[in-house]
Amino acid sequence: MAFRTRSRLALVMTTVLAAAGFMGGCGFPLPDAESGQAEDSSFDYPLEGRPERIAIDQNDYEAKHVGHTADGGQFFLTTPSDFGGRGFVALYLFDSDGRFVEAKIDLFAEELYQRRLKELDGVTFDRIVVEPFEVERFNQTFGLITDEPEAGDEIWWVTAEPGDYMAFSPPWDLGEYDT
């Protein structure tokens, strides 16, 4: 995977900054030295290894439309593309604990994307914390898919598929991704 070298460097830098105390006041829950668990109880599972949940911060790019629904659930509206060039509108819905509930996936059309966004009436655009998942549609695998290390010096990844357009690596609570 092309992201591994660059993200391994990012992971090393994050670890160095955290160890030096630069990240402690930045709102990132740092892992406890003995348990590997985050200090922040809202993210109380391992920050490395196979993720149970990953954080995605809302931004102006691939994660423009992530947040919470009026009933407390979480959502991720996105436009993945397969390597053949087909685009899709994908709305992923999660419960308030970040468990995957449903995927609404269709071939891309701008009006459909806008309709899906409007159907989410009463949402807030903000950070979500959700579990990795995968579903099959259009002979493609969609979702936030875990990628287990193949060698001892590699790390776990979670990639937004199809198209591998967002790649998350530990620490899972960071909320940022590689493209």
Protein backbone atom coordinates (compact mmCIF):
# COMPACT_ATOMS: atom_id res chain seq x y z
CA MET A 1 0.00 0.00 0.00
CA ALA A 2 1.45 3.37 -1.02
CA PHE A 3 0.39 5.08 2.21
CA ARG A 4 2.39 2.90 4.60
CA THR A 5 5.77 4.60 4.41
CA ARG A 6 4.41 8.14 4.73
CA SER A 7 1.97 7.21 7.48
CA ARG A 8 4.55 5.20 9.38
CA LEU A 9 6.57 8.43 9.52
CA ALA A 10 3.45 10.33 10.66
CA LEU A 11 2.85 7.71 13.35
CA VAL A 12 6.44 8.01 14.56
CA MET A 13 6.17 11.82 14.65
CA THR A 14 2.87 11.64 16.55
CA THR A 15 4.44 9.29 19.06
CA VAL A 16 7.49 11.54 19.46
CA LEU A 17 5.33 14.65 19.92
CA ALA A 18 3.10 12.86 22.42
CA ALA A 19 6.11 11.61 24.37
CA ALA A 20 7.52 15.13 24.44
CA GLY A 21 4.23 16.43 25.82
CA PHE A 22 3.36 18.60 22.82
CA MET A 23 0.03 16.88 22.18
CA GLY A 24 -1.16 16.61 25.77
CA GLY A 25 -2.90 19.98 25.73
CA CYS A 26 -4.29 19.64 22.22
CA GLY A 27 -7.39 17.65 23.11
CA PHE A 28 -6.02 14.27 22.03
CA PRO A 29 -6.47 11.56 24.64
CA LEU A 30 -3.07 9.96 25.07
CA PRO A 31 -2.73 6.24 25.86
CA ASP A 32 -1.91 5.10 29.36
CA ALA A 33 1.60 3.58 29.39
CA GLU A 34 0.51 0.31 31.02
CA SER A 35 -2.87 -0.41 29.43
CA GLY A 36 -2.54 1.28 26.04
CA GLN A 37 -6.02 2.74 26.65
CA ALA A 38 -6.91 6.35 26.02
CA GLU A 39 -7.16 8.67 29.01
CA ASP A 40 -10.44 10.09 27.62
CA SER A 41 -13.28 7.74 28.62
CA SER A 42 -15.18 8.50 25.40
CA PHE A 43 -12.44 6.62 23.56
CA ASP A 44 -11.75 3.78 25.99
CA TYR A 45 -10.34 1.10 23.73
CA PRO A 46 -6.90 0.39 22.32
CA LEU A 47 -5.38 3.16 20.22
CA GLU A 48 -3.26 0.67 18.25
CA GLY A 49 -3.87 -2.80 16.83
CA ARG A 50 -7.18 -3.73 15.19
CA PRO A 51 -9.54 -0.80 15.78
CA GLU A 52 -12.94 -1.18 17.37
CA ARG A 53 -13.77 2.43 16.43
CA ILE A 54 -12.05 5.20 14.49
CA ALA A 55 -12.54 8.95 14.79
CA ILE A 56 -13.22 11.04 11.69
CA ASP A 57 -13.03 14.79 12.06
CA GLN A 58 -15.30 16.88 9.85
CA ASN A 59 -13.34 18.93 7.29
CA ASP A 60 -13.77 20.63 3.91
CA TYR A 61 -12.59 17.63 1.87
CA GLU A 62 -13.48 13.93 1.94
CA ALA A 63 -15.09 14.27 5.39
CA LYS A 64 -17.13 17.37 4.62
CA HIS A 65 -20.43 15.71 5.48
CA VAL A 66 -19.87 13.72 8.68
CA GLY A 67 -21.62 14.33 11.96
CA HIS A 68 -24.61 13.57 14.12
CA THR A 69 -28.27 13.16 13.24
CA ALA A 70 -31.08 14.83 15.19
CA ASP A 71 -31.77 11.53 17.02
CA GLY A 72 -28.14 11.18 18.17
CA GLY A 73 -26.97 8.76 15.49
CA GLN A 74 -23.89 9.37 13.36
CA PHE A 75 -23.50 9.63 9.59
CA PHE A 76 -20.91 9.81 6.82
CA LEU A 77 -22.05 11.02 3.38
CA THR A 78 -19.36 10.52 0.77
CA THR A 79 -18.66 10.00 -2.94
CA PRO A 80 -16.32 7.05 -3.46
CA SER A 81 -15.19 5.98 -6.94
CA ASP A 82 -14.03 2.61 -8.14
CA PHE A 83 -10.85 2.17 -10.14
CA GLY A 84 -12.95 1.85 -13.30
CA GLY A 85 -14.11 5.44 -12.90
CA ARG A 86 -17.67 4.85 -11.65
CA GLY A 87 -18.70 7.30 -8.96
CA PHE A 88 -21.15 6.59 -6.15
CA VAL A 89 -23.16 8.39 -3.52
CA ALA A 90 -22.74 6.56 -0.22
CA LEU A 91 -24.56 7.43 2.97
CA TYR A 92 -23.37 5.40 5.94
CA LEU A 93 -25.46 5.49 9.11
CA PHE A 94 -24.35 4.50 12.61
CA ASP A 95 -26.06 4.45 15.99
CA SER A 96 -25.02 6.77 18.82
CA ASP A 97 -22.33 4.28 19.92
CA GLY A 98 -20.80 4.19 16.42
CA ARG A 99 -22.13 0.76 15.44
CA PHE A 100 -22.83 0.45 11.73
CA VAL A 101 -26.58 0.44 10.97
CA GLU A 102 -27.14 0.96 7.23
CA ALA A 103 -25.57 1.93 3.92
CA LYS A 104 -27.48 3.70 1.14
CA ILE A 105 -25.35 3.44 -1.99
CA ASP A 106 -26.25 4.50 -5.54
CA LEU A 107 -24.46 5.48 -8.72
CA PHE A 108 -23.35 9.10 -8.50
CA ALA A 109 -25.71 11.91 -9.44
CA GLU A 110 -25.32 15.39 -7.95
CA GLU A 111 -29.06 15.71 -7.34
CA LEU A 112 -29.05 12.40 -5.44
CA TYR A 113 -26.15 13.58 -3.29
CA GLN A 114 -28.04 16.79 -2.47
CA ARG A 115 -31.22 14.81 -1.74
CA ARG A 116 -29.38 12.48 0.66
CA LEU A 117 -27.91 15.54 2.41
CA LYS A 118 -31.35 17.16 2.69
CA GLU A 119 -32.85 13.90 4.05
CA LEU A 120 -30.45 14.21 6.99
CA ASP A 121 -32.47 17.20 8.23
CA GLY A 122 -31.38 18.59 11.59
CA VAL A 123 -27.79 17.35 11.60
CA THR A 124 -24.64 18.79 13.08
CA PHE A 125 -21.39 18.49 11.16
CA ASP A 126 -18.70 17.37 13.57
CA ARG A 127 -16.39 14.54 14.64
CA ILE A 128 -17.74 11.02 14.54
CA VAL A 129 -16.38 7.87 16.17
CA VAL A 130 -17.53 4.76 14.30
CA GLU A 131 -16.68 1.12 13.79
CA PRO A 132 -15.05 -0.21 10.64
CA PHE A 133 -17.51 -2.06 8.39
CA GLU A 134 -17.95 -3.35 4.86
CA VAL A 135 -20.87 -4.02 2.53
CA GLU A 136 -21.06 -5.34 -1.02
CA ARG A 137 -22.87 -3.31 -3.69
CA PHE A 138 -22.38 -2.95 -7.45
CA ASN A 139 -19.83 -5.83 -7.31
CA GLN A 140 -17.67 -3.59 -5.08
CA THR A 141 -16.74 -3.59 -1.42
CA PHE A 142 -17.78 -0.33 0.26
CA GLY A 143 -17.05 0.94 3.74
CA LEU A 144 -14.32 1.64 6.25
CA ILE A 145 -12.33 -1.54 5.82
CA THR A 146 -9.61 -2.86 8.11
CA ASP A 147 -6.31 -3.94 6.58
CA GLU A 148 -4.27 -6.25 8.81
CA PRO A 149 -0.47 -5.95 8.77
CA GLU A 150 1.27 -8.54 6.61
CA ALA A 151 4.69 -8.16 8.24
CA GLY A 152 5.91 -7.41 11.75
CA ASP A 153 7.03 -3.86 10.92
CA GLU A 154 3.71 -2.83 9.36
CA ILE A 155 0.68 -1.30 11.06
CA TRP A 156 -3.10 -1.70 10.88
CA TRP A 157 -4.99 0.51 8.43
CA VAL A 158 -8.62 1.41 7.85
CA THR A 159 -9.36 2.57 4.31
CA ALA A 160 -12.47 4.15 2.80
CA GLU A 161 -13.42 1.96 -0.15
CA PRO A 162 -13.82 1.69 -3.02
CA GLY A 163 -11.03 3.90 -4.27
CA ASP A 164 -8.82 3.84 -1.17
CA TYR A 165 -9.44 7.60 -0.85
CA MET A 166 -9.05 7.91 2.93
CA ALA A 167 -6.52 5.90 4.93
CA PHE A 168 -6.60 5.92 8.73
CA SER A 169 -3.77 4.64 10.92
CA PRO A 170 -3.14 4.56 14.67
CA PRO A 171 -3.76 6.31 16.92
CA TRP A 172 -7.42 5.69 16.04
CA ASP A 173 -8.69 8.70 17.99
CA LEU A 174 -6.68 11.20 15.95
CA GLY A 175 -9.54 11.88 13.51
CA GLU A 176 -7.18 12.54 10.59
CA TYR A 177 -6.39 10.48 7.52
CA ASP A 178 -4.04 10.22 4.55
CA THR A 179 -5.28 10.57 0.97
